[in-house]
Amino acid sequence: MTEADKSKAQLVIVTGLVVLYFIFKSNYFLIAAAAVGIVSIAIPVAGDLIVKGWYKLAEVLGAINGKILLSIVFFVVLFPVALLAKFGKKNPLALKKEETDTVFHTRNHRYTAKDLEQVW
């Protein structure tokens, strides 16, 4: 990571804390923003540690959010669709045995050149 990238990340952290100050009207956010800004400028090693911690937090939150969002999509979209398909009377994949002992269907079809023109 270049020095410019580290400076940008530090600026984002400070700006985010200032925005949180304006939203919640808590002086602690403003104090934290000033502390992060001053420490990042005065002690570059500490600023690097702050940036590394910030990226580690972002990595953890990204892993958690992915699982949460996929779970929400599963239970809100896929699960109800699966229930509707299960309770429906159609058998689109022909997996249920109907009158015979097998699910195999004999298909008497002679392939022609036209069948192989656009296979995909």
PDB file of N, CA and C in Angstrom:
ATOM      1  N   MET A   1       0.841  -1.169   0.000  1.00  0.00           N
ATOM      2  CA  MET A   1       0.000   0.000   0.000  1.00  0.00           C
ATOM      3  C   MET A   1       0.893   1.241   0.000  1.00  0.00           C
ATOM      4  N   THR A   2       0.589   2.178  -0.869  1.00  0.00           N
ATOM      5  CA  THR A   2       1.409   3.388  -0.968  1.00  0.00           C
ATOM      6  C   THR A   2       1.042   4.374   0.136  1.00  0.00           C
ATOM      7  N   GLU A   3       1.882   5.354   0.301  1.00  0.00           N
ATOM      8  CA  GLU A   3       1.624   6.391   1.313  1.00  0.00           C
ATOM      9  C   GLU A   3       0.362   7.179   0.980  1.00  0.00           C
ATOM     10  N   ALA A   4       0.099   7.369  -0.303  1.00  0.00           N
ATOM     11  CA  ALA A   4      -1.110   8.090  -0.703  1.00  0.00           C
ATOM     12  C   ALA A   4      -2.364   7.299  -0.307  1.00  0.00           C
ATOM     13  N   ASP A   5      -2.313   5.980  -0.488  1.00  0.00           N
ATOM     14  CA  ASP A   5      -3.449   5.143  -0.102  1.00  0.00           C
ATOM     15  C   ASP A   5      -3.672   5.168   1.405  1.00  0.00           C
ATOM     16  N   LYS A   6      -2.581   5.148   2.168  1.00  0.00           N
ATOM     17  CA  LYS A   6      -2.700   5.215   3.619  1.00  0.00           C
ATOM     18  C   LYS A   6      -3.295   6.550   4.052  1.00  0.00           C
ATOM     19  N   SER A   7      -2.843   7.632   3.409  1.00  0.00           N
ATOM     20  CA  SER A   7      -3.378   8.958   3.742  1.00  0.00           C
ATOM     21  C   SER A   7      -4.861   9.052   3.404  1.00  0.00           C
ATOM     22  N   LYS A   8      -5.254   8.471   2.277  1.00  0.00           N
ATOM     23  CA  LYS A   8      -6.671   8.474   1.908  1.00  0.00           C
ATOM     24  C   LYS A   8      -7.506   7.711   2.929  1.00  0.00           C
ATOM     25  N   ALA A   9      -7.008   6.566   3.368  1.00  0.00           N
ATOM     26  CA  ALA A   9      -7.743   5.778   4.351  1.00  0.00           C
ATOM     27  C   ALA A   9      -7.870   6.543   5.672  1.00  0.00           C
ATOM     28  N   GLN A  10      -6.801   7.215   6.087  1.00  0.00           N
ATOM     29  CA  GLN A  10      -6.857   8.010   7.313  1.00  0.00           C
ATOM     30  C   GLN A  10      -7.850   9.163   7.168  1.00  0.00           C
ATOM     31  N   LEU A  11      -7.872   9.787   6.016  1.00  0.00           N
ATOM     32  CA  LEU A  11      -8.821  10.872   5.770  1.00  0.00           C
ATOM     33  C   LEU A  11     -10.253  10.358   5.776  1.00  0.00           C
ATOM     34  N   VAL A  12     -10.478   9.185   5.243  1.00  0.00           N
ATOM     35  CA  VAL A  12     -11.822   8.588   5.252  1.00  0.00           C
ATOM     36  C   VAL A  12     -12.264   8.309   6.684  1.00  0.00           C
ATOM     37  N   ILE A  13     -11.371   7.799   7.506  1.00  0.00           N
ATOM     38  CA  ILE A  13     -11.713   7.517   8.898  1.00  0.00           C
ATOM     39  C   ILE A  13     -12.083   8.808   9.621  1.00  0.00           C
ATOM     40  N   VAL A  14     -11.266   9.839   9.466  1.00  0.00           N
ATOM     41  CA  VAL A  14     -11.536  11.120  10.126  1.00  0.00           C
ATOM     42  C   VAL A  14     -12.834  11.725   9.609  1.00  0.00           C
ATOM     43  N   THR A  15     -13.054  11.693   8.307  1.00  0.00           N
ATOM     44  CA  THR A  15     -14.284  12.245   7.728  1.00  0.00           C
ATOM     45  C   THR A  15     -15.504  11.473   8.216  1.00  0.00           C
ATOM     46  N   GLY A  16     -15.389  10.158   8.293  1.00  0.00           N
ATOM     47  CA  GLY A  16     -16.498   9.357   8.790  1.00  0.00           C
ATOM     48  C   GLY A  16     -16.838   9.695  10.232  1.00  0.00           C
ATOM     49  N   LEU A  17     -15.844   9.909  11.060  1.00  0.00           N
ATOM     50  CA  LEU A  17     -16.097  10.273  12.452  1.00  0.00           C
ATOM     51  C   LEU A  17     -16.737  11.653  12.554  1.00  0.00           C
ATOM     52  N   VAL A  18     -16.323  12.582  11.698  1.00  0.00           N
ATOM     53  CA  VAL A  18     -16.939  13.918  11.696  1.00  0.00           C
ATOM     54  C   VAL A  18     -18.400  13.831  11.251  1.00  0.00           C
ATOM     55  N   VAL A  19     -18.683  13.005  10.250  1.00  0.00           N
ATOM     56  CA  VAL A  19     -20.076  12.823   9.799  1.00  0.00           C
ATOM     57  C   VAL A  19     -20.907  12.212  10.926  1.00  0.00           C
ATOM     58  N   LEU A  20     -20.349  11.237  11.641  1.00  0.00           N
ATOM     59  CA  LEU A  20     -21.066  10.654  12.775  1.00  0.00           C
ATOM     60  C   LEU A  20     -21.319  11.698  13.863  1.00  0.00           C
ATOM     61  N   TYR A  21     -20.383  12.643  14.032  1.00  0.00           N
ATOM     62  CA  TYR A  21     -20.597  13.732  14.989  1.00  0.00           C
ATOM     63  C   TYR A  21     -21.816  14.563  14.588  1.00  0.00           C
ATOM     64  N   PHE A  22     -21.940  14.887  13.313  1.00  0.00           N
ATOM     65  CA  PHE A  22     -23.074  15.699  12.872  1.00  0.00           C
ATOM     66  C   PHE A  22     -24.397  14.927  12.945  1.00  0.00           C
ATOM     67  N   ILE A  23     -24.339  13.624  12.794  1.00  0.00           N
ATOM     68  CA  ILE A  23     -25.571  12.833  12.859  1.00  0.00           C
ATOM     69  C   ILE A  23     -26.035  12.651  14.302  1.00  0.00           C
ATOM     70  N   PHE A  24     -25.113  12.253  15.186  1.00  0.00           N
ATOM     71  CA  PHE A  24     -25.502  11.915  16.550  1.00  0.00           C
ATOM     72  C   PHE A  24     -25.272  13.034  17.568  1.00  0.00           C
ATOM     73  N   LYS A  25     -24.631  14.109  17.162  1.00  0.00           N
ATOM     74  CA  LYS A  25     -24.359  15.257  18.032  1.00  0.00           C
ATOM     75  C   LYS A  25     -23.618  14.867  19.312  1.00  0.00           C
ATOM     76  N   SER A  26     -22.715  13.904  19.194  1.00  0.00           N
ATOM     77  CA  SER A  26     -21.917  13.468  20.332  1.00  0.00           C
ATOM     78  C   SER A  26     -20.485  13.968  20.152  1.00  0.00           C
ATOM     79  N   ASN A  27     -19.976  14.631  21.163  1.00  0.00           N
ATOM     80  CA  ASN A  27     -18.620  15.191  21.085  1.00  0.00           C
ATOM     81  C   ASN A  27     -17.545  14.113  21.028  1.00  0.00           C
ATOM     82  N   TYR A  28     -17.879  12.898  21.432  1.00  0.00           N
ATOM     83  CA  TYR A  28     -16.891  11.818  21.407  1.00  0.00           C
ATOM     84  C   TYR A  28     -16.414  11.511  19.986  1.00  0.00           C
ATOM     85  N   PHE A  29     -17.314  11.609  19.020  1.00  0.00           N
ATOM     86  CA  PHE A  29     -16.916  11.372  17.633  1.00  0.00           C
ATOM     87  C   PHE A  29     -15.947  12.449  17.154  1.00  0.00           C
ATOM     88  N   LEU A  30     -16.186  13.698  17.550  1.00  0.00           N
ATOM     89  CA  LEU A  30     -15.293  14.785  17.151  1.00  0.00           C
ATOM     90  C   LEU A  30     -13.924  14.636  17.815  1.00  0.00           C
ATOM     91  N   ILE A  31     -13.914  14.221  19.076  1.00  0.00           N
ATOM     92  CA  ILE A  31     -12.660  13.991  19.779  1.00  0.00           C
ATOM     93  C   ILE A  31     -11.900  12.829  19.137  1.00  0.00           C
ATOM     94  N   ALA A  32     -12.617  11.761  18.780  1.00  0.00           N
ATOM     95  CA  ALA A  32     -11.971  10.615  18.140  1.00  0.00           C
ATOM     96  C   ALA A  32     -11.407  11.009  16.774  1.00  0.00           C
ATOM     97  N   ALA A  33     -12.145  11.837  16.019  1.00  0.00           N
ATOM     98  CA  ALA A  33     -11.653  12.286  14.713  1.00  0.00           C
ATOM     99  C   ALA A  33     -10.384  13.102  14.866  1.00  0.00           C
ATOM    100  N   ALA A  34     -10.366  14.003  15.844  1.00  0.00           N
ATOM    101  CA  ALA A  34      -9.170  14.816  16.072  1.00  0.00           C
ATOM    102  C   ALA A  34      -8.001  13.934  16.513  1.00  0.00           C
ATOM    103  N   ALA A  35      -8.283  12.968  17.377  1.00  0.00           N
ATOM    104  CA  ALA A  35      -7.209  12.088  17.862  1.00  0.00           C
ATOM    105  C   ALA A  35      -6.627  11.261  16.725  1.00  0.00           C
ATOM    106  N   VAL A  36      -7.475  10.698  15.884  1.00  0.00           N
ATOM    107  CA  VAL A  36      -6.978   9.896  14.756  1.00  0.00           C
ATOM    108  C   VAL A  36      -6.174  10.774  13.800  1.00  0.00           C
ATOM    109  N   GLY A  37      -6.664  11.958  13.514  1.00  0.00           N
ATOM    110  CA  GLY A  37      -5.950  12.864  12.609  1.00  0.00           C
ATOM    111  C   GLY A  37      -4.599  13.288  13.147  1.00  0.00           C
ATOM    112  N   ILE A  38      -4.565  13.677  14.409  1.00  0.00           N
ATOM    113  CA  ILE A  38      -3.304  14.151  14.999  1.00  0.00           C
ATOM    114  C   ILE A  38      -2.300  13.006  15.143  1.00  0.00           C
ATOM    115  N   VAL A  39      -2.768  11.844  15.600  1.00  0.00           N
ATOM    116  CA  VAL A  39      -1.867  10.699  15.762  1.00  0.00           C
ATOM    117  C   VAL A  39      -1.326  10.250  14.405  1.00  0.00           C
ATOM    118  N   SER A  40      -2.168  10.276  13.375  1.00  0.00           N
ATOM    119  CA  SER A  40      -1.721   9.855  12.042  1.00  0.00           C
ATOM    120  C   SER A  40      -0.662  10.788  11.481  1.00  0.00           C
ATOM    121  N   ILE A  41      -0.786  12.061  11.783  1.00  0.00           N
ATOM    122  CA  ILE A  41       0.198  13.028  11.279  1.00  0.00           C
ATOM    123  C   ILE A  41       1.469  13.000  12.132  1.00  0.00           C
ATOM    124  N   ALA A  42       1.312  12.951  13.455  1.00  0.00           N
ATOM    125  CA  ALA A  42       2.465  13.052  14.353  1.00  0.00           C
ATOM    126  C   ALA A  42       3.279  11.762  14.396  1.00  0.00           C
ATOM    127  N   ILE A  43       2.608  10.630  14.399  1.00  0.00           N
ATOM    128  CA  ILE A  43       3.304   9.351  14.520  1.00  0.00           C
ATOM    129  C   ILE A  43       2.875   8.482  13.334  1.00  0.00           C
ATOM    130  N   PRO A  44       3.650   8.486  12.252  1.00  0.00           N
ATOM    131  CA  PRO A  44       3.247   7.731  11.056  1.00  0.00           C
ATOM    132  C   PRO A  44       3.086   6.237  11.291  1.00  0.00           C
ATOM    133  N   VAL A  45       3.874   5.664  12.200  1.00  0.00           N
ATOM    134  CA  VAL A  45       3.745   4.233  12.484  1.00  0.00           C
ATOM    135  C   VAL A  45       2.378   3.936  13.107  1.00  0.00           C
ATOM    136  N   ALA A  46       1.943   4.811  14.008  1.00  0.00           N
ATOM    137  CA  ALA A  46       0.621   4.634  14.621  1.00  0.00           C
ATOM    138  C   ALA A  46      -0.470   4.810  13.574  1.00  0.00           C
ATOM    139  N   GLY A  47      -0.268   5.744  12.649  1.00  0.00           N
ATOM    140  CA  GLY A  47      -1.232   5.928  11.559  1.00  0.00           C
ATOM    141  C   GLY A  47      -1.330   4.685  10.688  1.00  0.00           C
ATOM    142  N   ASP A  48      -0.176   4.048  10.438  1.00  0.00           N
ATOM    143  CA  ASP A  48      -0.185   2.800   9.664  1.00  0.00           C
ATOM    144  C   ASP A  48      -0.948   1.703  10.399  1.00  0.00           C
ATOM    145  N   LEU A  49      -0.774   1.632  11.717  1.00  0.00           N
ATOM    146  CA  LEU A  49      -1.498   0.634  12.510  1.00  0.00           C
ATOM    147  C   LEU A  49      -3.005   0.894  12.492  1.00  0.00           C
ATOM    148  N   ILE A  50      -3.378   2.158  12.524  1.00  0.00           N
ATOM    149  CA  ILE A  50      -4.806   2.509  12.447  1.00  0.00           C
ATOM    150  C   ILE A  50      -5.378   2.060  11.111  1.00  0.00           C
ATOM    151  N   VAL A  51      -4.642   2.290  10.033  1.00  0.00           N
ATOM    152  CA  VAL A  51      -5.107   1.886   8.702  1.00  0.00           C
ATOM    153  C   VAL A  51      -5.194   0.367   8.603  1.00  0.00           C
ATOM    154  N   LYS A  52      -4.195  -0.346   9.126  1.00  0.00           N
ATOM    155  CA  LYS A  52      -4.239  -1.815   9.093  1.00  0.00           C
ATOM    156  C   LYS A  52      -5.433  -2.337   9.885  1.00  0.00           C
ATOM    157  N   GLY A  53      -5.683  -1.743  11.038  1.00  0.00           N
ATOM    158  CA  GLY A  53      -6.853  -2.129  11.827  1.00  0.00           C
ATOM    159  C   GLY A  53      -8.157  -1.843  11.098  1.00  0.00           C
ATOM    160  N   TRP A  54      -8.195  -0.711  10.399  1.00  0.00           N
ATOM    161  CA  TRP A  54      -9.378  -0.336   9.622  1.00  0.00           C
ATOM    162  C   TRP A  54      -9.654  -1.357   8.514  1.00  0.00           C
ATOM    163  N   TYR A  55      -8.608  -1.757   7.812  1.00  0.00           N
ATOM    164  CA  TYR A  55      -8.782  -2.735   6.733  1.00  0.00           C
ATOM    165  C   TYR A  55      -9.130  -4.118   7.285  1.00  0.00           C
ATOM    166  N   LYS A  56      -8.580  -4.474   8.448  1.00  0.00           N
ATOM    167  CA  LYS A  56      -8.926  -5.757   9.061  1.00  0.00           C
ATOM    168  C   LYS A  56     -10.390  -5.752   9.485  1.00  0.00           C
ATOM    169  N   LEU A  57     -10.855  -4.633  10.050  1.00  0.00           N
ATOM    170  CA  LEU A  57     -12.274  -4.504  10.409  1.00  0.00           C
ATOM    171  C   LEU A  57     -13.159  -4.606   9.168  1.00  0.00           C
ATOM    172  N   ALA A  58     -12.752  -3.964   8.087  1.00  0.00           N
ATOM    173  CA  ALA A  58     -13.519  -4.027   6.839  1.00  0.00           C
ATOM    174  C   ALA A  58     -13.562  -5.448   6.292  1.00  0.00           C
ATOM    175  N   GLU A  59     -12.468  -6.181   6.427  1.00  0.00           N
ATOM    176  CA  GLU A  59     -12.430  -7.571   5.959  1.00  0.00           C
ATOM    177  C   GLU A  59     -13.386  -8.448   6.763  1.00  0.00           C
ATOM    178  N   VAL A  60     -13.389  -8.281   8.074  1.00  0.00           N
ATOM    179  CA  VAL A  60     -14.281  -9.059   8.937  1.00  0.00           C
ATOM    180  C   VAL A  60     -15.740  -8.718   8.645  1.00  0.00           C
ATOM    181  N   LEU A  61     -16.042  -7.426   8.545  1.00  0.00           N
ATOM    182  CA  LEU A  61     -17.414  -7.014   8.246  1.00  0.00           C
ATOM    183  C   LEU A  61     -17.861  -7.482   6.874  1.00  0.00           C
ATOM    184  N   GLY A  62     -16.954  -7.506   5.918  1.00  0.00           N
ATOM    185  CA  GLY A  62     -17.296  -8.013   4.588  1.00  0.00           C
ATOM    186  C   GLY A  62     -17.649  -9.489   4.611  1.00  0.00           C
ATOM    187  N   ALA A  63     -16.919 -10.260   5.400  1.00  0.00           N
ATOM    188  CA  ALA A  63     -17.220 -11.696   5.505  1.00  0.00           C
ATOM    189  C   ALA A  63     -18.559 -11.917   6.194  1.00  0.00           C
ATOM    190  N   ILE A  64     -18.827 -11.146   7.243  1.00  0.00           N
ATOM    191  CA  ILE A  64     -20.088 -11.296   7.974  1.00  0.00           C
ATOM    192  C   ILE A  64     -21.262 -10.824   7.122  1.00  0.00           C
ATOM    193  N   ASN A  65     -21.122  -9.672   6.486  1.00  0.00           N
ATOM    194  CA  ASN A  65     -22.219  -9.132   5.683  1.00  0.00           C
ATOM    195  C   ASN A  65     -22.572 -10.044   4.517  1.00  0.00           C
ATOM    196  N   GLY A  66     -21.588 -10.672   3.916  1.00  0.00           N
ATOM    197  CA  GLY A  66     -21.879 -11.595   2.819  1.00  0.00           C
ATOM    198  C   GLY A  66     -22.764 -12.740   3.276  1.00  0.00           C
ATOM    199  N   LYS A  67     -22.449 -13.290   4.430  1.00  0.00           N
ATOM    200  CA  LYS A  67     -23.260 -14.397   4.954  1.00  0.00           C
ATOM    201  C   LYS A  67     -24.660 -13.922   5.332  1.00  0.00           C
ATOM    202  N   ILE A  68     -24.740 -12.739   5.928  1.00  0.00           N
ATOM    203  CA  ILE A  68     -26.053 -12.209   6.323  1.00  0.00           C
ATOM    204  C   ILE A  68     -26.913 -11.938   5.092  1.00  0.00           C
ATOM    205  N   LEU A  69     -26.342 -11.289   4.087  1.00  0.00           N
ATOM    206  CA  LEU A  69     -27.116 -10.971   2.887  1.00  0.00           C
ATOM    207  C   LEU A  69     -27.547 -12.223   2.138  1.00  0.00           C
ATOM    208  N   LEU A  70     -26.657 -13.205   2.041  1.00  0.00           N
ATOM    209  CA  LEU A  70     -27.037 -14.449   1.372  1.00  0.00           C
ATOM    210  C   LEU A  70     -28.116 -15.190   2.145  1.00  0.00           C
ATOM    211  N   SER A  71     -28.068 -15.140   3.468  1.00  0.00           N
ATOM    212  CA  SER A  71     -29.115 -15.773   4.270  1.00  0.00           C
ATOM    213  C   SER A  71     -30.453 -15.082   4.070  1.00  0.00           C
ATOM    214  N   ILE A  72     -30.437 -13.761   4.027  1.00  0.00           N
ATOM    215  CA  ILE A  72     -31.678 -13.014   3.808  1.00  0.00           C
ATOM    216  C   ILE A  72     -32.263 -13.339   2.440  1.00  0.00           C
ATOM    217  N   VAL A  73     -31.421 -13.363   1.418  1.00  0.00           N
ATOM    218  CA  VAL A  73     -31.908 -13.701   0.075  1.00  0.00           C
ATOM    219  C   VAL A  73     -32.478 -15.112   0.055  1.00  0.00           C
ATOM    220  N   PHE A  74     -31.818 -16.044   0.743  1.00  0.00           N
ATOM    221  CA  PHE A  74     -32.298 -17.423   0.762  1.00  0.00           C
ATOM    222  C   PHE A  74     -33.678 -17.503   1.403  1.00  0.00           C
ATOM    223  N   PHE A  75     -33.835 -16.921   2.584  1.00  0.00           N
ATOM    224  CA  PHE A  75     -35.091 -17.077   3.303  1.00  0.00           C
ATOM    225  C   PHE A  75     -36.207 -16.194   2.769  1.00  0.00           C
ATOM    226  N   VAL A  76     -35.881 -15.077   2.134  1.00  0.00           N
ATOM    227  CA  VAL A  76     -36.925 -14.189   1.614  1.00  0.00           C
ATOM    228  C   VAL A  76     -37.331 -14.564   0.196  1.00  0.00           C
ATOM    229  N   VAL A  77     -36.385 -15.042  -0.616  1.00  0.00           N
ATOM    230  CA  VAL A  77     -36.690 -15.310  -2.018  1.00  0.00           C
ATOM    231  C   VAL A  77     -36.741 -16.809  -2.323  1.00  0.00           C
ATOM    232  N   LEU A  78     -35.656 -17.499  -2.093  1.00  0.00           N
ATOM    233  CA  LEU A  78     -35.551 -18.891  -2.547  1.00  0.00           C
ATOM    234  C   LEU A  78     -36.432 -19.854  -1.757  1.00  0.00           C
ATOM    235  N   PHE A  79     -36.502 -19.714  -0.454  1.00  0.00           N
ATOM    236  CA  PHE A  79     -37.295 -20.631   0.357  1.00  0.00           C
ATOM    237  C   PHE A  79     -38.785 -20.568   0.015  1.00  0.00           C
ATOM    238  N   PRO A  80     -39.395 -19.369  -0.094  1.00  0.00           N
ATOM    239  CA  PRO A  80     -40.807 -19.336  -0.492  1.00  0.00           C
ATOM    240  C   PRO A  80     -41.051 -19.894  -1.900  1.00  0.00           C
ATOM    241  N   VAL A  81     -40.141 -19.650  -2.815  1.00  0.00           N
ATOM    242  CA  VAL A  81     -40.300 -20.192  -4.171  1.00  0.00           C
ATOM    243  C   VAL A  81     -40.229 -21.715  -4.131  1.00  0.00           C
ATOM    244  N   ALA A  82     -39.321 -22.256  -3.326  1.00  0.00           N
ATOM    245  CA  ALA A  82     -39.215 -23.707  -3.210  1.00  0.00           C
ATOM    246  C   ALA A  82     -40.469 -24.304  -2.585  1.00  0.00           C
ATOM    247  N   LEU A  83     -41.025 -23.621  -1.589  1.00  0.00           N
ATOM    248  CA  LEU A  83     -42.268 -24.115  -0.983  1.00  0.00           C
ATOM    249  C   LEU A  83     -43.420 -24.101  -1.987  1.00  0.00           C
ATOM    250  N   LEU A  84     -43.523 -23.021  -2.742  1.00  0.00           N
ATOM    251  CA  LEU A  84     -44.584 -22.953  -3.756  1.00  0.00           C
ATOM    252  C   LEU A  84     -44.412 -24.050  -4.804  1.00  0.00           C
ATOM    253  N   ALA A  85     -43.182 -24.304  -5.201  1.00  0.00           N
ATOM    254  CA  ALA A  85     -42.939 -25.345  -6.198  1.00  0.00           C
ATOM    255  C   ALA A  85     -43.245 -26.728  -5.624  1.00  0.00           C
ATOM    256  N   LYS A  86     -42.958 -26.921  -4.347  1.00  0.00           N
ATOM    257  CA  LYS A  86     -43.202 -28.228  -3.739  1.00  0.00           C
ATOM    258  C   LYS A  86     -44.699 -28.511  -3.611  1.00  0.00           C
ATOM    259  N   PHE A  87     -45.457 -27.496  -3.243  1.00  0.00           N
ATOM    260  CA  PHE A  87     -46.887 -27.690  -3.065  1.00  0.00           C
ATOM    261  C   PHE A  87     -47.667 -27.610  -4.370  1.00  0.00           C
ATOM    262  N   GLY A  88     -47.004 -27.210  -5.432  1.00  0.00           N
ATOM    263  CA  GLY A  88     -47.649 -27.188  -6.738  1.00  0.00           C
ATOM    264  C   GLY A  88     -47.857 -28.605  -7.243  1.00  0.00           C
ATOM    265  N   LYS A  89     -48.765 -28.778  -8.175  1.00  0.00           N
ATOM    266  CA  LYS A  89     -49.083 -30.118  -8.672  1.00  0.00           C
ATOM    267  C   LYS A  89     -48.220 -30.528  -9.856  1.00  0.00           C
ATOM    268  N   LYS A  90     -47.491 -29.608 -10.417  1.00  0.00           N
ATOM    269  CA  LYS A  90     -46.661 -29.952 -11.567  1.00  0.00           C
ATOM    270  C   LYS A  90     -45.419 -30.697 -11.124  1.00  0.00           C
ATOM    271  N   ASN A  91     -44.872 -31.447 -12.044  1.00  0.00           N
ATOM    272  CA  ASN A  91     -43.663 -32.222 -11.788  1.00  0.00           C
ATOM    273  C   ASN A  91     -42.661 -31.891 -12.898  1.00  0.00           C
ATOM    274  N   PRO A  92     -42.039 -30.686 -12.860  1.00  0.00           N
ATOM    275  CA  PRO A  92     -41.239 -30.241 -13.995  1.00  0.00           C
ATOM    276  C   PRO A  92     -39.994 -31.074 -14.262  1.00  0.00           C
ATOM    277  N   LEU A  93     -39.392 -31.654 -13.241  1.00  0.00           N
ATOM    278  CA  LEU A  93     -38.190 -32.458 -13.457  1.00  0.00           C
ATOM    279  C   LEU A  93     -38.498 -33.943 -13.598  1.00  0.00           C
ATOM    280  N   ALA A  94     -39.751 -34.308 -13.459  1.00  0.00           N
ATOM    281  CA  ALA A  94     -40.192 -35.700 -13.553  1.00  0.00           C
ATOM    282  C   ALA A  94     -39.431 -36.585 -12.567  1.00  0.00           C
ATOM    283  N   LEU A  95     -39.264 -36.104 -11.345  1.00  0.00           N
ATOM    284  CA  LEU A  95     -38.550 -36.870 -10.338  1.00  0.00           C
ATOM    285  C   LEU A  95     -39.483 -37.785  -9.537  1.00  0.00           C
ATOM    286  N   LYS A  96     -40.768 -37.471  -9.535  1.00  0.00           N
ATOM    287  CA  LYS A  96     -41.717 -38.313  -8.808  1.00  0.00           C
ATOM    288  C   LYS A  96     -42.200 -39.435  -9.720  1.00  0.00           C
ATOM    289  N   LYS A  97     -42.290 -40.622  -9.172  1.00  0.00           N
ATOM    290  CA  LYS A  97     -42.802 -41.750  -9.949  1.00  0.00           C
ATOM    291  C   LYS A  97     -44.307 -41.590 -10.088  1.00  0.00           C
ATOM    292  N   GLU A  98     -44.787 -41.757 -11.274  1.00  0.00           N
ATOM    293  CA  GLU A  98     -46.219 -41.598 -11.471  1.00  0.00           C
ATOM    294  C   GLU A  98     -46.900 -42.951 -11.584  1.00  0.00           C
ATOM    295  N   GLU A  99     -47.149 -43.484 -12.762  1.00  0.00           N
ATOM    296  CA  GLU A  99     -47.831 -44.769 -12.883  1.00  0.00           C
ATOM    297  C   GLU A  99     -46.866 -45.938 -12.994  1.00  0.00           C
ATOM    298  N   THR A 100     -45.648 -45.693 -13.336  1.00  0.00           N
ATOM    299  CA  THR A 100     -44.715 -46.783 -13.587  1.00  0.00           C
ATOM    300  C   THR A 100     -43.661 -46.854 -12.488  1.00  0.00           C
ATOM    301  N   ASP A 101     -42.834 -47.879 -12.564  1.00  0.00           N
ATOM    302  CA  ASP A 101     -41.764 -48.045 -11.581  1.00  0.00           C
ATOM    303  C   ASP A 101     -40.540 -47.199 -11.891  1.00  0.00           C
ATOM    304  N   THR A 102     -40.464 -46.613 -13.044  1.00  0.00           N
ATOM    305  CA  THR A 102     -39.264 -45.908 -13.459  1.00  0.00           C
ATOM    306  C   THR A 102     -39.595 -44.473 -13.846  1.00  0.00           C
ATOM    307  N   VAL A 103     -38.603 -43.641 -13.799  1.00  0.00           N
ATOM    308  CA  VAL A 103     -38.762 -42.274 -14.275  1.00  0.00           C
ATOM    309  C   VAL A 103     -38.149 -42.106 -15.665  1.00  0.00           C
ATOM    310  N   PHE A 104     -37.677 -43.190 -16.231  1.00  0.00           N
ATOM    311  CA  PHE A 104     -37.086 -43.160 -17.563  1.00  0.00           C
ATOM    312  C   PHE A 104     -38.192 -43.022 -18.607  1.00  0.00           C
ATOM    313  N   HIS A 105     -37.992 -42.103 -19.537  1.00  0.00           N
ATOM    314  CA  HIS A 105     -38.948 -41.892 -20.623  1.00  0.00           C
ATOM    315  C   HIS A 105     -38.265 -42.226 -21.941  1.00  0.00           C
ATOM    316  N   THR A 106     -38.905 -43.034 -22.724  1.00  0.00           N
ATOM    317  CA  THR A 106     -38.367 -43.371 -24.028  1.00  0.00           C
ATOM    318  C   THR A 106     -38.680 -42.223 -24.977  1.00  0.00           C
ATOM    319  N   ARG A 107     -37.650 -41.764 -25.651  1.00  0.00           N
ATOM    320  CA  ARG A 107     -37.830 -40.651 -26.575  1.00  0.00           C
ATOM    321  C   ARG A 107     -37.372 -41.116 -27.945  1.00  0.00           C
ATOM    322  N   ASN A 108     -38.295 -41.321 -28.802  1.00  0.00           N
ATOM    323  CA  ASN A 108     -37.969 -41.725 -30.166  1.00  0.00           C
ATOM    324  C   ASN A 108     -37.808 -40.464 -31.005  1.00  0.00           C
ATOM    325  N   HIS A 109     -36.580 -40.048 -31.131  1.00  0.00           N
ATOM    326  CA  HIS A 109     -36.300 -38.828 -31.886  1.00  0.00           C
ATOM    327  C   HIS A 109     -35.075 -39.077 -32.753  1.00  0.00           C
ATOM    328  N   ARG A 110     -35.213 -38.795 -34.003  1.00  0.00           N
ATOM    329  CA  ARG A 110     -34.100 -38.939 -34.916  1.00  0.00           C
ATOM    330  C   ARG A 110     -33.450 -37.561 -35.070  1.00  0.00           C
ATOM    331  N   TYR A 111     -32.175 -37.469 -34.716  1.00  0.00           N
ATOM    332  CA  TYR A 111     -31.463 -36.203 -34.809  1.00  0.00           C
ATOM    333  C   TYR A 111     -31.154 -35.875 -36.260  1.00  0.00           C
ATOM    334  N   THR A 112     -31.327 -34.588 -36.562  1.00  0.00           N
ATOM    335  CA  THR A 112     -31.029 -34.092 -37.903  1.00  0.00           C
ATOM    336  C   THR A 112     -29.945 -33.030 -37.796  1.00  0.00           C
ATOM    337  N   ALA A 113     -29.500 -32.539 -38.917  1.00  0.00           N
ATOM    338  CA  ALA A 113     -28.479 -31.488 -38.925  1.00  0.00           C
ATOM    339  C   ALA A 113     -29.017 -30.216 -38.268  1.00  0.00           C
ATOM    340  N   LYS A 114     -30.286 -29.954 -38.375  1.00  0.00           N
ATOM    341  CA  LYS A 114     -30.892 -28.759 -37.784  1.00  0.00           C
ATOM    342  C   LYS A 114     -30.830 -28.803 -36.254  1.00  0.00           C
ATOM    343  N   ASP A 115     -30.904 -29.985 -35.658  1.00  0.00           N
ATOM    344  CA  ASP A 115     -30.820 -30.110 -34.199  1.00  0.00           C
ATOM    345  C   ASP A 115     -29.442 -29.694 -33.677  1.00  0.00           C
ATOM    346  N   LEU A 116     -28.436 -29.799 -34.475  1.00  0.00           N
ATOM    347  CA  LEU A 116     -27.076 -29.510 -34.046  1.00  0.00           C
ATOM    348  C   LEU A 116     -26.560 -28.162 -34.497  1.00  0.00           C
ATOM    349  N   GLU A 117     -27.396 -27.344 -35.120  1.00  0.00           N
ATOM    350  CA  GLU A 117     -26.932 -26.039 -35.594  1.00  0.00           C
ATOM    351  C   GLU A 117     -26.701 -25.077 -34.450  1.00  0.00           C
ATOM    352  N   GLN A 118     -27.639 -24.908 -33.551  1.00  0.00           N
ATOM    353  CA  GLN A 118     -27.504 -23.979 -32.434  1.00  0.00           C
ATOM    354  C   GLN A 118     -27.753 -24.758 -31.143  1.00  0.00           C
ATOM    355  N   VAL A 119     -26.774 -25.487 -30.702  1.00  0.00           N
ATOM    356  CA  VAL A 119     -26.956 -26.342 -29.538  1.00  0.00           C
ATOM    357  C   VAL A 119     -26.991 -25.548 -28.239  1.00  0.00           C
ATOM    358  N   TRP A 120     -26.382 -24.403 -28.212  1.00  0.00           N
ATOM    359  CA  TRP A 120     -26.373 -23.628 -26.988  1.00  0.00           C
ATOM    360  C   TRP A 120     -27.429 -22.586 -27.062  1.00  0.00           C
TER     361      TRP A 120
END
